[in-house]
N, C-alpha and C. Protein backbone atom coordinates (compact mmCIF):
# COMPACT_ATOMS: atom_id res chain seq x y z
N MET A 1 -137.79 46.15 -169.56
CA MET A 1 -136.54 46.84 -169.36
C MET A 1 -135.54 45.89 -168.71
N ASN A 2 -134.36 45.80 -169.25
CA ASN A 2 -133.32 44.95 -168.71
C ASN A 2 -132.40 45.74 -167.80
N THR A 3 -132.21 45.26 -166.60
CA THR A 3 -131.27 45.89 -165.68
C THR A 3 -130.27 44.85 -165.22
N LEU A 4 -129.25 45.29 -164.54
CA LEU A 4 -128.25 44.34 -164.03
C LEU A 4 -128.89 43.29 -163.14
N SER A 5 -129.94 43.63 -162.40
CA SER A 5 -130.54 42.70 -161.47
C SER A 5 -131.42 41.65 -162.13
N ASN A 6 -131.91 41.89 -163.34
CA ASN A 6 -132.80 40.90 -163.95
C ASN A 6 -132.28 40.35 -165.27
N LYS A 7 -131.04 40.60 -165.62
CA LYS A 7 -130.55 40.06 -166.88
C LYS A 7 -130.17 38.60 -166.71
N LYS A 8 -130.22 37.86 -167.79
CA LYS A 8 -129.92 36.44 -167.77
C LYS A 8 -128.42 36.21 -167.58
N GLU A 9 -128.09 35.00 -167.17
CA GLU A 9 -126.70 34.66 -166.87
C GLU A 9 -125.78 34.84 -168.07
N ASN A 10 -126.27 34.59 -169.28
CA ASN A 10 -125.41 34.70 -170.47
C ASN A 10 -125.49 36.08 -171.12
N GLU A 11 -126.05 37.07 -170.41
CA GLU A 11 -126.13 38.42 -170.93
C GLU A 11 -125.16 39.34 -170.18
N HIS A 12 -124.59 40.27 -170.91
CA HIS A 12 -123.61 41.20 -170.36
C HIS A 12 -123.89 42.58 -170.94
N LEU A 13 -123.45 43.62 -170.27
CA LEU A 13 -123.59 44.96 -170.81
C LEU A 13 -122.42 45.28 -171.73
N ASP A 14 -122.73 45.73 -172.92
CA ASP A 14 -121.72 46.15 -173.88
C ASP A 14 -121.03 47.40 -173.31
N PRO A 15 -119.71 47.37 -173.12
CA PRO A 15 -119.03 48.52 -172.52
C PRO A 15 -118.99 49.75 -173.42
N VAL A 16 -119.29 49.59 -174.70
CA VAL A 16 -119.24 50.71 -175.64
C VAL A 16 -120.57 51.47 -175.64
N CYS A 17 -121.67 50.76 -175.83
CA CYS A 17 -122.96 51.43 -175.98
C CYS A 17 -123.92 51.19 -174.82
N GLY A 18 -123.61 50.23 -173.95
CA GLY A 18 -124.47 49.96 -172.81
C GLY A 18 -125.63 49.03 -173.08
N MET A 19 -125.76 48.54 -174.31
CA MET A 19 -126.83 47.60 -174.62
C MET A 19 -126.49 46.23 -174.06
N VAL A 20 -127.52 45.39 -173.93
CA VAL A 20 -127.31 44.03 -173.45
C VAL A 20 -126.71 43.21 -174.58
N ALA A 21 -125.64 42.49 -174.26
CA ALA A 21 -124.96 41.64 -175.24
C ALA A 21 -124.95 40.21 -174.70
N SER A 22 -125.10 39.26 -175.59
CA SER A 22 -125.08 37.85 -175.21
C SER A 22 -123.65 37.32 -175.24
N SER A 23 -123.36 36.37 -174.37
CA SER A 23 -122.03 35.77 -174.37
C SER A 23 -121.81 34.87 -175.58
N GLU A 24 -122.82 34.74 -176.43
CA GLU A 24 -122.70 33.96 -177.66
C GLU A 24 -122.13 34.81 -178.80
N ILE A 25 -121.97 36.11 -178.57
CA ILE A 25 -121.46 37.04 -179.58
C ILE A 25 -119.98 37.26 -179.33
N PRO A 26 -119.20 37.63 -180.33
CA PRO A 26 -117.76 37.81 -180.15
C PRO A 26 -117.39 38.63 -178.92
N GLU A 27 -116.28 38.26 -178.34
CA GLU A 27 -115.81 38.92 -177.14
C GLU A 27 -114.36 39.37 -177.32
N SER A 28 -113.93 40.21 -176.42
CA SER A 28 -112.54 40.62 -176.34
C SER A 28 -112.08 40.41 -174.92
N LYS A 29 -110.80 40.17 -174.76
CA LYS A 29 -110.21 40.09 -173.44
C LYS A 29 -109.31 41.30 -173.27
N TYR A 30 -109.39 41.89 -172.08
CA TYR A 30 -108.54 43.04 -171.77
C TYR A 30 -108.20 42.98 -170.29
N GLN A 31 -106.93 42.97 -169.99
CA GLN A 31 -106.43 42.90 -168.63
C GLN A 31 -107.07 41.76 -167.84
N GLY A 32 -107.19 40.60 -168.50
CA GLY A 32 -107.71 39.40 -167.85
C GLY A 32 -109.21 39.33 -167.69
N LYS A 33 -109.94 40.27 -168.24
CA LYS A 33 -111.40 40.30 -168.12
C LYS A 33 -112.03 40.12 -169.50
N ASP A 34 -113.15 39.39 -169.55
CA ASP A 34 -113.88 39.19 -170.80
C ASP A 34 -114.89 40.32 -170.99
N TYR A 35 -114.98 40.83 -172.21
CA TYR A 35 -115.95 41.87 -172.57
C TYR A 35 -116.76 41.35 -173.74
N TYR A 36 -118.08 41.60 -173.70
CA TYR A 36 -119.00 41.14 -174.74
C TYR A 36 -119.66 42.34 -175.39
N PHE A 37 -120.07 42.16 -176.64
CA PHE A 37 -120.56 43.29 -177.43
C PHE A 37 -121.85 42.94 -178.15
N CYS A 38 -122.66 43.96 -178.40
CA CYS A 38 -123.93 43.77 -179.11
C CYS A 38 -123.71 43.62 -180.61
N SER A 39 -122.55 44.11 -181.09
CA SER A 39 -122.27 44.06 -182.53
C SER A 39 -120.77 44.07 -182.77
N GLU A 40 -120.40 43.71 -183.97
CA GLU A 40 -118.99 43.73 -184.37
C GLU A 40 -118.47 45.18 -184.35
N HIS A 41 -119.33 46.13 -184.68
CA HIS A 41 -118.93 47.54 -184.67
C HIS A 41 -118.48 47.97 -183.28
N CYS A 42 -119.25 47.62 -182.25
CA CYS A 42 -118.86 47.99 -180.88
C CYS A 42 -117.58 47.27 -180.47
N LYS A 43 -117.43 46.02 -180.87
CA LYS A 43 -116.21 45.28 -180.56
C LYS A 43 -114.99 45.95 -181.19
N GLU A 44 -115.13 46.38 -182.43
CA GLU A 44 -114.02 47.05 -183.12
C GLU A 44 -113.66 48.36 -182.42
N GLN A 45 -114.67 49.12 -181.96
CA GLN A 45 -114.39 50.36 -181.25
C GLN A 45 -113.64 50.08 -179.95
N PHE A 46 -114.06 49.06 -179.23
CA PHE A 46 -113.40 48.69 -177.98
C PHE A 46 -111.96 48.25 -178.24
N ASP A 47 -111.78 47.36 -179.21
CA ASP A 47 -110.45 46.83 -179.52
C ASP A 47 -109.47 47.93 -179.92
N ALA A 48 -109.97 48.98 -180.56
CA ALA A 48 -109.11 50.08 -181.00
C ALA A 48 -108.61 50.92 -179.83
N ASN A 49 -109.41 50.99 -178.74
CA ASN A 49 -109.01 51.82 -177.61
C ASN A 49 -109.73 51.33 -176.33
N PRO A 50 -109.33 50.18 -175.79
CA PRO A 50 -110.04 49.65 -174.62
C PRO A 50 -109.98 50.54 -173.38
N GLU A 51 -108.95 51.34 -173.24
CA GLU A 51 -108.83 52.21 -172.07
C GLU A 51 -109.99 53.21 -172.00
N GLU A 52 -110.49 53.61 -173.16
CA GLU A 52 -111.59 54.58 -173.21
C GLU A 52 -112.87 54.03 -172.57
N PHE A 53 -113.04 52.72 -172.58
CA PHE A 53 -114.27 52.10 -172.11
C PHE A 53 -114.13 51.40 -170.77
N ASN A 54 -113.00 51.53 -170.14
CA ASN A 54 -112.80 50.95 -168.80
C ASN A 54 -112.82 52.07 -167.78
N GLY A 55 -113.80 52.00 -166.88
CA GLY A 55 -113.93 53.07 -165.92
C GLY A 55 -113.54 52.74 -164.57
């Protein structure tokens, strides 16, 4: 099980689905912050409405 405390340095949580995403996969920038995604589908959902995924 991957948690925030044991994930690798190049891994990030996908803000859309919560899965672990690698920094080697496409990213988006929003309000000066980098966001990483597990798939192009999640990236497209985020790009369409980033406010929905920023808490």
